[in-house]
Structures are given as structure tokens and as C-alpha cells.
Amino acid sequence: MDLKQLRYFKEIVEQGNISAAAEKLYMSQPPLSQQLRSLEKELDTLLFHRNGRKLELTAAGRSLYQSALDILQLTEEAKQNVKDIGAGLRGTLSIGVNTFSSTELLTSIQQFYQLYPNVHLKIQQNESSHLCQLVKDRTIELALIRLPLHLSDFEVLHLKDEPFYFVTSEQMPLNKTITWQHINDHPLMLPSSEGLGVYSLIRERLAKRGVDHSLIGECSDIHLLTQMIDLNMTNAIVPEAFVKQNTYSNIKALEILDDEPFLSPVGLIWLKNHNLSKPAERLVEALRELV
């Protein structure tokens, strides 16, 4: 018994006789009659009571008809699901994001979700170098990372060069800009921990600009650090993403004056020589259009 036989059987039941079913199926009557006989022989039971040209289902026939409806519906659903996944309309999209996620990514995900609500999103946060390893291991398909990193194994879509700001409490009587010399006069906590990308970038710039005695600690819990800044306990140097995501009205961001702007490239990466899933392809396309 195969799907073709079940479709033939279903049509015979719904048309009430073989000739009408054959016409609906665009085939001649003898082959359809032969298919029915073959099906009854395989099942070793009658599926219809014959009353002239009219066919009435037996108890076994009614049972098979219900099963045929379920099987054929599941088959169509399976075909459609596979087509949708192939077209990027369904499936799973795994994305890695670093601590300070780009607002551009959020915009693209919002647009993506509106277009493809049946795609299951899996988003996990981690440090940029670890995200690279997760992409290599194919645990995730795409990752938003902060550069520079060694990226010979990856395709890279450069999104932007993100500036860093000095953030402080409104209680601090400062202007809209600040110099590194002035930063050295205020307590400072790093928004990360040793060994992580943002930490290294900021420490490198602090060393170049001679900022050393204002550093009082580090805090990789961004929510806690924000609260500490809000309470005027400390200050911090953070990427622009932090500034855009900040919801504390008591915190202000100052531009850091420097001959060499303090910027960090932000990019989306995926594995080289690897075919992305359709959902991943569509998100990459959305980000390309955005940038």
C-alpha cells in the first residue's frame, strides 16, 4: 500500500463510484479498478460493498478512509514544512551576540521576525572570541562580534565602527565632551573582565593615553555597573551600544576628545565555505540592506 493507492482510494470514496473518480483523477476506469482490487488483495478484505455502479464502504473501508485522510494530510504538511524551511520561512536560526549588542541587529531581527514569524530564533550572549569558536563548532550560524580578531576562517560583514563614550552620572558637573587627562581625575570601572575583548580594547587605549591611577575596578555585570554609575559611585568607558540601550535618565554620555577617535569595528561573521540555512541567509541580506 502506497500514497498513490491511498489517494485513489480516497477519491473513489468521495466520488461514490469508480467512473466518476477516474474522471476526477484524469485516468481511465480499468487501471483505477485494478488499483482498488490490488489494494483489497493486499489487505485481504473488502473495502466496498458493490451495489451496481454505487459503492458503499465496509467497516474496514471506513477505517482505512479515516487513516488515509490523516496520512495524506500529514504528507502534505510535511511537504509544505520542508518547502518552507528550504525557502527560509520556517526552521531555526541560531545567533550569537556579544555583551554590547548592536542596535542595528535588533532592528534587523525585528524586521526579520515580522516577515518570518515561524522561524525559531535562538540567541545567546557571549564574548566575541568565544562566539567565534561557537561558529566554528557550528553550534551557532551567525555571530555579532567586536573586532579586531583573527577571522581567516570566517566571512565577515562589517556593520559599523562603533565609538566609545565616557558615561557618568548627571550629578557630575561635566560638559558634553571630556579629555583623557580629565578622565584620569575620575574613578573608573571597566565594563568587562580581564581576557575579554572590550576589556583589552579599553585597557590598551588607557595605557596609550596615560590613564592609570583612576581605574578602581571592573564589572562584567552591565546592569549592576549601570546602577553604580547612576548612583554616582563610579564612571565607565563603554561602546555606543551601551549608550543607546541605557534607560537611566540620570546617566549621561560624554564624547571623548582624541586625535585618534576611539572606535571598535563591529561585524557579523559566519563560517567560510559553509552553506547557510535560508533563515540565516535572509538575516544576512537584511543586515546588508541596513548597512
C-alpha atoms as a PDB file:
ATOM      1  CA  MET A   1       0.000   0.000   0.000  1.00  0.00           C
ATOM      2  CA  ASP A   2       1.455   3.352  -1.018  1.00  0.00           C
ATOM      3  CA  LEU A   3       0.399   7.007  -1.085  1.00  0.00           C
ATOM      4  CA  LYS A   4      -0.818   6.749  -4.679  1.00  0.00           C
ATOM      5  CA  GLN A   5      -3.189   3.921  -3.775  1.00  0.00           C
ATOM      6  CA  LEU A   6      -4.455   5.877  -0.771  1.00  0.00           C
ATOM      7  CA  ARG A   7      -5.151   8.916  -2.955  1.00  0.00           C
ATOM      8  CA  TYR A   8      -7.024   6.733  -5.454  1.00  0.00           C
ATOM      9  CA  PHE A   9      -8.998   5.082  -2.645  1.00  0.00           C
ATOM     10  CA  LYS A  10      -9.881   8.461  -1.099  1.00  0.00           C
ATOM     11  CA  GLU A  11     -11.148   9.751  -4.448  1.00  0.00           C
ATOM     12  CA  ILE A  12     -13.283   6.658  -5.029  1.00  0.00           C
ATOM     13  CA  VAL A  13     -14.881   7.079  -1.603  1.00  0.00           C
ATOM     14  CA  GLU A  14     -15.588  10.764  -2.139  1.00  0.00           C
ATOM     15  CA  GLN A  15     -16.953  10.355  -5.678  1.00  0.00           C
ATOM     16  CA  GLY A  16     -19.078   7.320  -4.817  1.00  0.00           C
ATOM     17  CA  ASN A  17     -18.161   5.281  -7.919  1.00  0.00           C
ATOM     18  CA  ILE A  18     -15.098   4.377  -9.924  1.00  0.00           C
ATOM     19  CA  SER A  19     -16.003   6.081 -13.186  1.00  0.00           C
ATOM     20  CA  ALA A  20     -16.504   9.480 -11.507  1.00  0.00           C
ATOM     21  CA  ALA A  21     -13.278   9.014  -9.525  1.00  0.00           C
ATOM     22  CA  ALA A  22     -11.370   8.066 -12.693  1.00  0.00           C
ATOM     23  CA  GLU A  23     -12.627  11.209 -14.409  1.00  0.00           C
ATOM     24  CA  LYS A  24     -11.568  13.340 -11.445  1.00  0.00           C
ATOM     25  CA  LEU A  25      -8.136  11.720 -11.443  1.00  0.00           C
ATOM     26  CA  TYR A  26      -7.736  12.177 -15.242  1.00  0.00           C
ATOM     27  CA  MET A  27      -7.301   8.447 -15.829  1.00  0.00           C
ATOM     28  CA  SER A  28      -9.306   5.651 -17.414  1.00  0.00           C
ATOM     29  CA  GLN A  29     -11.555   3.419 -15.341  1.00  0.00           C
ATOM     30  CA  PRO A  30      -9.849  -0.032 -15.815  1.00  0.00           C
ATOM     31  CA  PRO A  31      -6.482   0.979 -14.229  1.00  0.00           C
ATOM     32  CA  LEU A  32      -8.312   2.563 -11.277  1.00  0.00           C
ATOM     33  CA  SER A  33     -10.410  -0.609 -10.792  1.00  0.00           C
ATOM     34  CA  GLN A  34      -7.203  -2.635 -10.912  1.00  0.00           C
ATOM     35  CA  GLN A  35      -5.635  -0.417  -8.214  1.00  0.00           C
ATOM     36  CA  LEU A  36      -8.653  -0.958  -5.961  1.00  0.00           C
ATOM     37  CA  ARG A  37      -8.566  -4.728  -6.464  1.00  0.00           C
ATOM     38  CA  SER A  38      -4.838  -4.764  -5.749  1.00  0.00           C
ATOM     39  CA  LEU A  39      -5.376  -2.805  -2.533  1.00  0.00           C
ATOM     40  CA  GLU A  40      -8.136  -5.146  -1.331  1.00  0.00           C
ATOM     41  CA  LYS A  41      -5.988  -8.171  -2.175  1.00  0.00           C
ATOM     42  CA  GLU A  42      -3.037  -6.778  -0.208  1.00  0.00           C
ATOM     43  CA  LEU A  43      -5.249  -6.040   2.812  1.00  0.00           C
ATOM     44  CA  ASP A  44      -7.138  -9.328   2.355  1.00  0.00           C
ATOM     45  CA  THR A  45     -10.502  -7.645   2.929  1.00  0.00           C
ATOM     46  CA  LEU A  46     -13.306  -5.939   1.045  1.00  0.00           C
ATOM     47  CA  LEU A  47     -13.311  -2.174   1.262  1.00  0.00           C
ATOM     48  CA  PHE A  48     -16.624  -1.605  -0.550  1.00  0.00           C
ATOM     49  CA  HIS A  49     -19.998  -3.261  -0.895  1.00  0.00           C
ATOM     50  CA  ARG A  50     -20.881  -3.199  -4.635  1.00  0.00           C
ATOM     51  CA  ASN A  51     -24.435  -2.184  -5.435  1.00  0.00           C
ATOM     52  CA  GLY A  52     -24.377  -1.823  -9.208  1.00  0.00           C
ATOM     53  CA  ARG A  53     -22.211   1.178 -10.001  1.00  0.00           C
ATOM     54  CA  LYS A  54     -22.653   2.540  -6.487  1.00  0.00           C
ATOM     55  CA  LEU A  55     -20.015   1.722  -3.855  1.00  0.00           C
ATOM     56  CA  GLU A  56     -20.621   1.717  -0.111  1.00  0.00           C
ATOM     57  CA  LEU A  57     -17.798   1.475   2.417  1.00  0.00           C
ATOM     58  CA  THR A  58     -17.452  -1.592   4.578  1.00  0.00           C
ATOM     59  CA  ALA A  59     -16.389  -1.197   8.224  1.00  0.00           C
ATOM     60  CA  ALA A  60     -12.803  -1.907   7.120  1.00  0.00           C
ATOM     61  CA  GLY A  61     -13.186   0.629   4.319  1.00  0.00           C
ATOM     62  CA  ARG A  62     -14.379   3.328   6.751  1.00  0.00           C
ATOM     63  CA  SER A  63     -11.366   2.662   8.975  1.00  0.00           C
ATOM     64  CA  LEU A  64      -8.967   2.879   6.028  1.00  0.00           C
ATOM     65  CA  TYR A  65     -10.640   6.067   4.789  1.00  0.00           C
ATOM     66  CA  GLN A  66     -10.044   7.840   8.114  1.00  0.00           C
ATOM     67  CA  SER A  67      -6.448   6.634   8.182  1.00  0.00           C
ATOM     68  CA  ALA A  68      -5.965   7.733   4.561  1.00  0.00           C
ATOM     69  CA  LEU A  69      -7.227  11.237   5.382  1.00  0.00           C
ATOM     70  CA  ASP A  70      -4.750  11.502   8.285  1.00  0.00           C
ATOM     71  CA  ILE A  71      -1.823  10.094   6.315  1.00  0.00           C
ATOM     72  CA  LEU A  72      -2.411  12.263   3.249  1.00  0.00           C
ATOM     73  CA  GLN A  73      -2.823  15.392   5.372  1.00  0.00           C
ATOM     74  CA  LEU A  74       0.384  14.670   7.283  1.00  0.00           C
ATOM     75  CA  THR A  75       2.164  14.042   3.985  1.00  0.00           C
ATOM     76  CA  GLU A  76       1.056  17.404   2.604  1.00  0.00           C
ATOM     77  CA  GLU A  77       2.028  19.160   5.824  1.00  0.00           C
ATOM     78  CA  ALA A  78       5.447  17.506   5.760  1.00  0.00           C
ATOM     79  CA  LYS A  79       5.988  18.566   2.139  1.00  0.00           C
ATOM     80  CA  GLN A  80       4.939  22.128   2.922  1.00  0.00           C
ATOM     81  CA  ASN A  81       7.160  22.288   6.010  1.00  0.00           C
ATOM     82  CA  VAL A  82      10.165  21.125   4.004  1.00  0.00           C
ATOM     83  CA  LYS A  83       9.411  23.676   1.286  1.00  0.00           C
ATOM     84  CA  ASP A  84       9.027  26.429   3.887  1.00  0.00           C
ATOM     85  CA  ILE A  85      12.306  25.503   5.547  1.00  0.00           C
ATOM     86  CA  GLY A  86      14.019  25.459   2.166  1.00  0.00           C
ATOM     87  CA  ALA A  87      12.611  28.909   1.439  1.00  0.00           C
ATOM     88  CA  GLY A  88      13.613  30.245   4.863  1.00  0.00           C
ATOM     89  CA  LEU A  89      10.029  30.587   6.083  1.00  0.00           C
ATOM     90  CA  ARG A  90      10.478  28.029   8.868  1.00  0.00           C
ATOM     91  CA  GLY A  91      13.316  26.426  10.765  1.00  0.00           C
ATOM     92  CA  THR A  92      15.739  27.576  13.455  1.00  0.00           C
ATOM     93  CA  LEU A  93      18.174  30.487  13.356  1.00  0.00           C
ATOM     94  CA  SER A  94      20.980  30.425  15.953  1.00  0.00           C
ATOM     95  CA  ILE A  95      22.710  33.767  16.572  1.00  0.00           C
ATOM     96  CA  GLY A  96      25.462  34.747  18.978  1.00  0.00           C
ATOM     97  CA  VAL A  97      25.765  38.293  20.288  1.00  0.00           C
ATOM     98  CA  ASN A  98      28.442  39.926  22.384  1.00  0.00           C
ATOM     99  CA  THR A  99      27.854  41.797  25.634  1.00  0.00           C
ATOM    100  CA  PHE A 100      27.030  45.086  23.935  1.00  0.00           C
ATOM    101  CA  SER A 101      24.668  44.092  21.142  1.00  0.00           C
ATOM    102  CA  SER A 102      24.362  46.338  18.125  1.00  0.00           C
ATOM    103  CA  THR A 103      21.095  48.229  17.777  1.00  0.00           C
ATOM    104  CA  GLU A 104      21.320  47.515  14.041  1.00  0.00           C
ATOM    105  CA  LEU A 105      20.998  43.801  14.807  1.00  0.00           C
ATOM    106  CA  LEU A 106      17.905  44.459  16.907  1.00  0.00           C
ATOM    107  CA  THR A 107      16.327  46.413  14.048  1.00  0.00           C
ATOM    108  CA  SER A 108      17.096  43.620  11.574  1.00  0.00           C
ATOM    109  CA  ILE A 109      15.760  40.925  13.903  1.00  0.00           C
ATOM    110  CA  GLN A 110      12.565  42.931  14.346  1.00  0.00           C
ATOM    111  CA  GLN A 111      12.107  43.209  10.568  1.00  0.00           C
ATOM    112  CA  PHE A 112      13.060  39.539  10.119  1.00  0.00           C
ATOM    113  CA  TYR A 113      10.564  38.363  12.738  1.00  0.00           C
ATOM    114  CA  GLN A 114       7.771  40.361  11.147  1.00  0.00           C
ATOM    115  CA  LEU A 115       8.470  38.686   7.789  1.00  0.00           C
ATOM    116  CA  TYR A 116       9.212  35.187   9.117  1.00  0.00           C
ATOM    117  CA  PRO A 117       7.286  34.653  12.378  1.00  0.00           C
ATOM    118  CA  ASN A 118       7.541  30.850  12.096  1.00  0.00           C
ATOM    119  CA  VAL A 119      11.347  30.820  12.274  1.00  0.00           C
ATOM    120  CA  HIS A 120      12.509  29.822  15.771  1.00  0.00           C
ATOM    121  CA  LEU A 121      15.208  32.226  16.996  1.00  0.00           C
ATOM    122  CA  LYS A 122      17.952  31.020  19.349  1.00  0.00           C
ATOM    123  CA  ILE A 123      20.036  33.955  20.593  1.00  0.00           C
ATOM    124  CA  GLN A 124      22.871  33.502  23.056  1.00  0.00           C
ATOM    125  CA  GLN A 125      25.237  36.037  24.539  1.00  0.00           C
ATOM    126  CA  ASN A 126      28.960  35.548  24.974  1.00  0.00           C
ATOM    127  CA  GLU A 127      32.317  37.191  24.487  1.00  0.00           C
ATOM    128  CA  SER A 128      33.441  37.733  20.890  1.00  0.00           C
ATOM    129  CA  SER A 129      36.327  35.227  20.811  1.00  0.00           C
ATOM    130  CA  HIS A 130      34.110  32.517  22.310  1.00  0.00           C
ATOM    131  CA  LEU A 131      31.388  33.297  19.766  1.00  0.00           C
ATOM    132  CA  CYS A 132      33.943  32.693  17.007  1.00  0.00           C
ATOM    133  CA  GLN A 133      34.588  29.227  18.426  1.00  0.00           C
ATOM    134  CA  LEU A 134      30.846  28.505  18.612  1.00  0.00           C
ATOM    135  CA  VAL A 135      30.536  29.385  14.914  1.00  0.00           C
ATOM    136  CA  LYS A 136      33.499  27.122  14.121  1.00  0.00           C
ATOM    137  CA  ASP A 137      31.851  24.305  16.066  1.00  0.00           C
ATOM    138  CA  ARG A 138      28.588  25.030  14.187  1.00  0.00           C
ATOM    139  CA  THR A 139      26.775  25.487  17.480  1.00  0.00           C
ATOM    140  CA  ILE A 140      25.551  28.805  16.091  1.00  0.00           C
ATOM    141  CA  GLU A 141      25.383  30.004  12.480  1.00  0.00           C
ATOM    142  CA  LEU A 142      25.914  33.730  12.857  1.00  0.00           C
ATOM    143  CA  ALA A 143      27.643  35.882  15.443  1.00  0.00           C
ATOM    144  CA  LEU A 144      27.821  39.599  16.061  1.00  0.00           C
ATOM    145  CA  ILE A 145      31.336  40.300  17.298  1.00  0.00           C
ATOM    146  CA  ARG A 146      33.629  43.155  18.158  1.00  0.00           C
ATOM    147  CA  LEU A 147      36.855  43.391  16.178  1.00  0.00           C
ATOM    148  CA  PRO A 148      39.797  43.096  15.811  1.00  0.00           C
ATOM    149  CA  LEU A 149      40.043  39.306  15.939  1.00  0.00           C
ATOM    150  CA  HIS A 150      41.690  36.657  13.780  1.00  0.00           C
ATOM    151  CA  LEU A 151      38.961  35.905  11.249  1.00  0.00           C
ATOM    152  CA  SER A 152      40.552  33.899   8.426  1.00  0.00           C
ATOM    153  CA  ASP A 153      38.006  31.097   8.935  1.00  0.00           C
ATOM    154  CA  PHE A 154      35.016  33.404   8.558  1.00  0.00           C
ATOM    155  CA  GLU A 155      33.062  35.523   6.164  1.00  0.00           C
ATOM    156  CA  VAL A 156      32.676  38.999   7.661  1.00  0.00           C
ATOM    157  CA  LEU A 157      30.010  41.614   7.088  1.00  0.00           C
ATOM    158  CA  HIS A 158      31.324  44.878   8.521  1.00  0.00           C
ATOM    159  CA  LEU A 159      28.409  46.693  10.146  1.00  0.00           C
ATOM    160  CA  LYS A 160      29.985  49.843  11.521  1.00  0.00           C
ATOM    161  CA  ASP A 161      32.821  51.411  13.501  1.00  0.00           C
ATOM    162  CA  GLU A 162      31.372  51.959  16.947  1.00  0.00           C
ATOM    163  CA  PRO A 163      32.681  54.853  19.100  1.00  0.00           C
ATOM    164  CA  PHE A 164      33.304  54.629  22.834  1.00  0.00           C
ATOM    165  CA  TYR A 165      31.951  57.156  25.322  1.00  0.00           C
ATOM    166  CA  PHE A 166      32.672  58.203  28.874  1.00  0.00           C
ATOM    167  CA  VAL A 167      29.476  57.675  30.889  1.00  0.00           C
ATOM    168  CA  THR A 168      28.832  59.345  34.194  1.00  0.00           C
ATOM    169  CA  SER A 169      26.061  60.458  36.498  1.00  0.00           C
ATOM    170  CA  GLU A 170      24.160  63.697  35.903  1.00  0.00           C
ATOM    171  CA  GLN A 171      25.387  64.705  39.344  1.00  0.00           C
ATOM    172  CA  MET A 172      28.869  65.106  37.902  1.00  0.00           C
ATOM    173  CA  PRO A 173      29.315  68.713  36.664  1.00  0.00           C
ATOM    174  CA  LEU A 174      30.792  67.897  33.243  1.00  0.00           C
ATOM    175  CA  ASN A 175      30.285  69.205  29.708  1.00  0.00           C
ATOM    176  CA  LYS A 176      29.336  67.154  26.615  1.00  0.00           C
ATOM    177  CA  THR A 177      32.970  66.241  25.948  1.00  0.00           C
ATOM    178  CA  ILE A 178      35.905  65.097  28.053  1.00  0.00           C
ATOM    179  CA  THR A 179      39.637  64.624  27.547  1.00  0.00           C
ATOM    180  CA  TRP A 180      41.703  61.626  28.606  1.00  0.00           C
ATOM    181  CA  GLN A 181      43.537  63.840  31.072  1.00  0.00           C
ATOM    182  CA  HIS A 182      40.237  64.765  32.673  1.00  0.00           C
ATOM    183  CA  ILE A 183      39.128  61.097  32.692  1.00  0.00           C
ATOM    184  CA  ASN A 184      42.241  60.386  34.757  1.00  0.00           C
ATOM    185  CA  ASP A 185      40.763  62.564  37.514  1.00  0.00           C
ATOM    186  CA  HIS A 186      37.621  60.440  37.937  1.00  0.00           C
ATOM    187  CA  PRO A 187      37.091  56.925  39.313  1.00  0.00           C
ATOM    188  CA  LEU A 188      36.667  54.445  36.500  1.00  0.00           C
ATOM    189  CA  MET A 189      35.430  50.857  36.221  1.00  0.00           C
ATOM    190  CA  LEU A 190      35.846  48.697  33.149  1.00  0.00           C
ATOM    191  CA  PRO A 191      32.615  47.224  31.703  1.00  0.00           C
ATOM    192  CA  SER A 192      34.172  43.795  31.274  1.00  0.00           C
ATOM    193  CA  SER A 193      36.750  41.470  32.812  1.00  0.00           C
ATOM    194  CA  GLU A 194      40.337  40.516  32.005  1.00  0.00           C
ATOM    195  CA  GLY A 195      40.778  38.375  28.911  1.00  0.00           C
ATOM    196  CA  LEU A 196      37.682  39.692  27.172  1.00  0.00           C
ATOM    197  CA  GLY A 197      37.657  41.831  24.031  1.00  0.00           C
ATOM    198  CA  VAL A 198      36.156  45.072  25.364  1.00  0.00           C
ATOM    199  CA  TYR A 199      38.446  44.914  28.402  1.00  0.00           C
ATOM    200  CA  SER A 200      41.549  44.637  26.222  1.00  0.00           C
ATOM    201  CA  LEU A 201      40.460  47.451  23.897  1.00  0.00           C
ATOM    202  CA  ILE A 202      39.846  49.878  26.742  1.00  0.00           C
ATOM    203  CA  ARG A 203      42.992  48.925  28.680  1.00  0.00           C
ATOM    204  CA  GLU A 204      45.088  49.408  25.552  1.00  0.00           C
ATOM    205  CA  ARG A 205      43.664  52.893  24.945  1.00  0.00           C
ATOM    206  CA  LEU A 206      44.031  53.858  28.622  1.00  0.00           C
ATOM    207  CA  ALA A 207      47.700  52.832  28.537  1.00  0.00           C
ATOM    208  CA  LYS A 208      48.313  54.828  25.316  1.00  0.00           C
ATOM    209  CA  ARG A 209      46.764  57.939  26.878  1.00  0.00           C
ATOM    210  CA  GLY A 210      48.458  57.592  30.241  1.00  0.00           C
ATOM    211  CA  VAL A 211      45.271  56.965  32.204  1.00  0.00           C
ATOM    212  CA  ASP A 212      46.376  54.758  35.090  1.00  0.00           C
ATOM    213  CA  HIS A 213      45.510  55.893  38.598  1.00  0.00           C
ATOM    214  CA  SER A 214      41.749  56.433  38.086  1.00  0.00           C
ATOM    215  CA  LEU A 215      40.974  52.752  37.493  1.00  0.00           C
ATOM    216  CA  ILE A 216      39.216  51.324  40.558  1.00  0.00           C
ATOM    217  CA  GLY A 217      37.877  48.027  39.243  1.00  0.00           C
ATOM    218  CA  GLU A 218      35.933  46.093  36.649  1.00  0.00           C
ATOM    219  CA  CYS A 219      32.365  44.822  36.396  1.00  0.00           C
ATOM    220  CA  SER A 220      31.112  42.498  33.660  1.00  0.00           C
ATOM    221  CA  ASP A 221      27.544  42.689  35.035  1.00  0.00           C
ATOM    222  CA  ILE A 222      26.365  45.578  32.872  1.00  0.00           C
ATOM    223  CA  HIS A 223      23.100  46.061  34.766  1.00  0.00           C
ATOM    224  CA  LEU A 224      24.962  46.370  38.084  1.00  0.00           C
ATOM    225  CA  LEU A 225      27.563  48.704  36.575  1.00  0.00           C
ATOM    226  CA  THR A 226      24.781  50.922  35.217  1.00  0.00           C
ATOM    227  CA  GLN A 227      23.244  51.157  38.682  1.00  0.00           C
ATOM    228  CA  MET A 228      26.610  52.083  40.178  1.00  0.00           C
ATOM    229  CA  ILE A 229      27.051  54.873  37.617  1.00  0.00           C
ATOM    230  CA  ASP A 230      23.501  56.060  38.249  1.00  0.00           C
ATOM    231  CA  LEU A 231      24.275  56.322  41.997  1.00  0.00           C
ATOM    232  CA  ASN A 232      27.435  58.323  41.221  1.00  0.00           C
ATOM    233  CA  MET A 233      29.641  55.550  42.646  1.00  0.00           C
ATOM    234  CA  THR A 234      31.845  55.319  39.561  1.00  0.00           C
ATOM    235  CA  ASN A 235      32.143  56.101  35.852  1.00  0.00           C
ATOM    236  CA  ALA A 236      32.912  53.937  32.844  1.00  0.00           C
ATOM    237  CA  ILE A 237      34.081  53.902  29.237  1.00  0.00           C
ATOM    238  CA  VAL A 238      31.576  51.985  27.122  1.00  0.00           C
ATOM    239  CA  PRO A 239      30.675  51.327  23.466  1.00  0.00           C
ATOM    240  CA  GLU A 240      27.907  53.328  21.840  1.00  0.00           C
ATOM    241  CA  ALA A 241      25.533  50.351  22.122  1.00  0.00           C
ATOM    242  CA  PHE A 242      25.533  50.821  25.909  1.00  0.00           C
ATOM    243  CA  VAL A 243      24.576  54.462  25.485  1.00  0.00           C
ATOM    244  CA  LYS A 244      21.716  53.641  23.109  1.00  0.00           C
ATOM    245  CA  GLN A 245      20.387  50.930  25.407  1.00  0.00           C
ATOM    246  CA  ASN A 246      20.643  52.978  28.587  1.00  0.00           C
ATOM    247  CA  THR A 247      17.263  53.706  30.183  1.00  0.00           C
ATOM    248  CA  TYR A 248      18.556  55.607  33.217  1.00  0.00           C
ATOM    249  CA  SER A 249      17.728  59.289  32.871  1.00  0.00           C
ATOM    250  CA  ASN A 250      20.422  60.162  35.419  1.00  0.00           C
ATOM    251  CA  ILE A 251      23.247  58.846  33.222  1.00  0.00           C
ATOM    252  CA  LYS A 252      24.870  60.962  30.506  1.00  0.00           C
ATOM    253  CA  ALA A 253      27.415  60.096  27.849  1.00  0.00           C
ATOM    254  CA  LEU A 254      30.346  62.342  27.007  1.00  0.00           C
ATOM    255  CA  GLU A 255      32.313  62.290  23.768  1.00  0.00           C
ATOM    256  CA  ILE A 256      35.985  61.504  24.370  1.00  0.00           C
ATOM    257  CA  LEU A 257      38.216  64.073  22.665  1.00  0.00           C
ATOM    258  CA  ASP A 258      41.137  62.391  20.929  1.00  0.00           C
ATOM    259  CA  ASP A 259      43.270  62.935  17.816  1.00  0.00           C
ATOM    260  CA  GLU A 260      42.664  59.270  17.036  1.00  0.00           C
ATOM    261  CA  PRO A 261      38.945  58.506  17.604  1.00  0.00           C
ATOM    262  CA  PHE A 262      38.356  55.567  19.932  1.00  0.00           C
ATOM    263  CA  LEU A 263      36.436  53.187  17.643  1.00  0.00           C
ATOM    264  CA  SER A 264      35.746  49.480  17.595  1.00  0.00           C
ATOM    265  CA  PRO A 265      34.650  47.746  14.363  1.00  0.00           C
ATOM    266  CA  VAL A 266      31.540  45.608  14.740  1.00  0.00           C
ATOM    267  CA  GLY A 267      30.826  42.789  12.304  1.00  0.00           C
ATOM    268  CA  LEU A 268      28.629  39.792  11.598  1.00  0.00           C
ATOM    269  CA  ILE A 269      30.514  36.553  10.926  1.00  0.00           C
ATOM    270  CA  TRP A 270      29.707  33.094   9.596  1.00  0.00           C
ATOM    271  CA  LEU A 271      31.828  30.122   8.614  1.00  0.00           C
ATOM    272  CA  LYS A 272      33.631  30.203   5.266  1.00  0.00           C
ATOM    273  CA  ASN A 273      32.804  27.545   2.673  1.00  0.00           C
ATOM    274  CA  HIS A 274      29.655  26.654   4.566  1.00  0.00           C
ATOM    275  CA  ASN A 275      26.148  26.932   3.186  1.00  0.00           C
ATOM    276  CA  LEU A 276      23.985  28.989   5.490  1.00  0.00           C
ATOM    277  CA  SER A 277      20.430  27.963   6.216  1.00  0.00           C
ATOM    278  CA  LYS A 278      17.793  30.001   4.412  1.00  0.00           C
ATOM    279  CA  PRO A 279      16.790  31.863   7.604  1.00  0.00           C
ATOM    280  CA  ALA A 280      20.446  32.826   8.169  1.00  0.00           C
ATOM    281  CA  GLU A 281      20.789  33.937   4.545  1.00  0.00           C
ATOM    282  CA  ARG A 282      17.724  36.137   4.895  1.00  0.00           C
ATOM    283  CA  LEU A 283      19.031  37.802   8.057  1.00  0.00           C
ATOM    284  CA  VAL A 284      22.386  38.478   6.394  1.00  0.00           C
ATOM    285  CA  GLU A 285      20.520  40.031   3.437  1.00  0.00           C
ATOM    286  CA  ALA A 286      18.527  42.219   5.839  1.00  0.00           C
ATOM    287  CA  LEU A 287      21.710  43.462   7.524  1.00  0.00           C
ATOM    288  CA  ARG A 288      23.405  44.107   4.173  1.00  0.00           C
ATOM    289  CA  GLU A 289      20.487  46.309   3.174  1.00  0.00           C
ATOM    290  CA  LEU A 290      20.631  48.122   6.515  1.00  0.00           C
ATOM    291  CA  VAL A 291      24.315  48.975   6.317  1.00  0.00           C
END
